[in-house]
Amino acid sequence: MIDLINPERFEAKLKLKIRENNEVLKAFGAKAISFAQVHAAYRAAGDRLKPFVTNTVVLLDKAMRGGADILFEGAQGTFLDIDHGTYPFVTSSNTTSGGACTGSEWRRTAWTGWWA
């Protein structure tokens, strides 16, 4: 997301990726991708999503200190956990209840309720 909402950074990275992809497409005789079209579409998406991007560690900490009820939901289950799951059939994150600590950067002792 940080690349998408930073216009200069996104443009530089997209130019490189489009150039790379167009070389592959050219080798296969396929039509090249238009930088302008892709850039315009993704910039529009970045502009629309930007108001929702924030530092969630700070957001959650303020909410917790303000007494808010916060629910972390993990529907994937232990067997899909990147560290404790049945590799190679895992996801790219921690899906156990302890994973809420690593994913949110909260220490477990800061929590007042826990359901697993």
Protein backbone atom coordinates (compact mmCIF):
# COMPACT_ATOMS: atom_id res chain seq x y z
CA MET A 1 0.00 0.00 0.00
CA ILE A 2 2.77 2.45 0.80
CA ASP A 3 4.01 2.27 -2.79
CA LEU A 4 0.51 2.75 -4.17
CA ILE A 5 -0.21 5.89 -2.16
CA ASN A 6 3.19 7.48 -2.89
CA PRO A 7 2.89 8.68 -6.52
CA GLU A 8 6.60 9.16 -7.25
CA ARG A 9 7.65 5.88 -5.68
CA PHE A 10 4.84 3.99 -7.40
CA GLU A 11 5.60 5.47 -10.82
CA ALA A 12 9.28 4.50 -10.61
CA LYS A 13 8.52 0.93 -9.56
CA LEU A 14 5.74 0.53 -12.11
CA LYS A 15 7.95 1.75 -14.97
CA LEU A 16 10.52 -0.93 -14.16
CA LYS A 17 7.89 -3.67 -13.87
CA ILE A 18 6.08 -2.67 -17.07
CA ARG A 19 9.39 -2.59 -18.96
CA GLU A 20 10.28 -6.06 -17.63
CA ASN A 21 6.86 -7.51 -18.43
CA ASN A 22 6.81 -6.00 -21.90
CA GLU A 23 10.12 -7.70 -22.70
CA VAL A 24 8.63 -11.06 -21.76
CA LEU A 25 5.43 -10.35 -23.70
CA LYS A 26 7.47 -9.28 -26.73
CA ALA A 27 9.44 -12.55 -26.61
CA PHE A 28 6.15 -14.44 -26.85
CA GLY A 29 4.76 -12.21 -29.57
CA ALA A 30 2.09 -10.72 -27.32
CA LYS A 31 0.85 -7.13 -27.17
CA ALA A 32 2.74 -4.79 -24.84
CA ILE A 33 1.15 -3.38 -21.70
CA SER A 34 0.44 0.36 -21.74
CA PHE A 35 2.23 2.13 -18.87
CA ALA A 36 -0.20 5.06 -19.09
CA GLN A 37 -3.31 2.88 -18.77
CA VAL A 38 -1.98 0.80 -15.89
CA HIS A 39 -0.59 3.84 -14.11
CA ALA A 40 -3.88 5.76 -14.38
CA ALA A 41 -5.94 2.85 -13.08
CA TYR A 42 -3.67 2.15 -10.13
CA ARG A 43 -3.25 5.82 -9.23
CA ALA A 44 -7.02 6.14 -9.09
CA ALA A 45 -7.14 3.14 -6.76
CA GLY A 46 -4.34 4.60 -4.63
CA ASP A 47 -6.14 7.92 -4.32
CA ARG A 48 -9.34 6.17 -3.30
CA LEU A 49 -7.61 3.92 -0.73
CA LYS A 50 -5.26 6.51 0.78
CA PRO A 51 -7.69 7.77 3.46
CA PHE A 52 -7.86 4.24 4.87
CA VAL A 53 -4.11 3.70 5.21
CA THR A 54 -2.68 4.35 8.66
CA ASN A 55 -0.20 3.05 11.19
CA THR A 56 -2.36 0.34 12.73
CA VAL A 57 -0.01 -0.18 15.69
CA VAL A 58 -0.65 3.42 16.78
CA LEU A 59 -4.36 3.19 15.96
CA LEU A 60 -4.83 0.02 18.03
CA ASP A 61 -2.75 1.35 20.93
CA LYS A 62 -4.85 4.53 21.13
CA ALA A 63 -8.05 2.49 20.98
CA MET A 64 -6.85 0.13 23.71
CA ARG A 65 -5.72 2.96 25.98
CA GLY A 66 -9.10 4.61 25.39
CA GLY A 67 -10.89 1.53 26.68
CA ALA A 68 -12.21 0.34 23.32
CA ASP A 69 -13.20 -3.28 22.82
CA ILE A 70 -11.01 -4.75 20.08
CA LEU A 71 -11.64 -8.07 18.39
CA PHE A 72 -8.98 -9.95 16.45
CA GLU A 73 -10.44 -12.65 14.23
CA GLY A 74 -8.44 -15.53 12.85
CA ALA A 75 -10.40 -17.94 10.70
CA GLN A 76 -7.51 -19.86 9.18
CA GLY A 77 -6.65 -22.22 12.03
CA THR A 78 -3.42 -23.61 13.39
CA PHE A 79 -2.63 -25.95 10.50
CA LEU A 80 -2.32 -22.97 8.14
CA ASP A 81 -0.02 -20.99 10.47
CA ILE A 82 3.31 -20.10 8.80
CA ASP A 83 5.29 -21.21 11.88
CA HIS A 84 3.18 -24.03 13.30
CA GLY A 85 1.21 -25.26 10.31
CA THR A 86 1.55 -28.27 8.04
CA TYR A 87 4.08 -26.96 5.53
CA PRO A 88 3.84 -26.52 2.56
CA PHE A 89 0.08 -26.07 3.02
CA VAL A 90 0.32 -22.84 5.03
CA THR A 91 -0.55 -19.19 4.61
CA SER A 92 1.93 -16.33 4.87
CA SER A 93 0.93 -15.23 8.35
CA ASN A 94 0.43 -16.36 11.91
CA THR A 95 -3.11 -17.68 12.30
CA THR A 96 -3.03 -18.89 15.91
CA SER A 97 -4.29 -16.76 18.79
CA GLY A 98 -0.67 -15.86 19.57
CA GLY A 99 -0.38 -14.58 16.02
CA ALA A 100 -2.60 -11.68 16.98
CA CYS A 101 0.29 -10.45 19.12
CA THR A 102 2.84 -10.66 16.33
CA GLY A 103 0.47 -9.28 13.72
CA SER A 104 -0.63 -6.29 15.78
CA GLU A 105 2.65 -5.78 17.67
CA TRP A 106 0.78 -5.87 20.96
CA ARG A 107 2.24 -7.58 23.97
CA ARG A 108 0.00 -10.31 25.34
CA THR A 109 0.05 -8.83 28.86
CA ALA A 110 -1.75 -5.72 27.57
CA TRP A 111 -4.87 -7.76 26.80
CA THR A 112 -7.69 -8.13 29.29
CA GLY A 113 -9.71 -10.81 27.52
CA TRP A 114 -8.85 -13.83 25.43
CA TRP A 115 -10.98 -16.34 23.60
CA ALA A 116 -9.40 -19.05 21.50
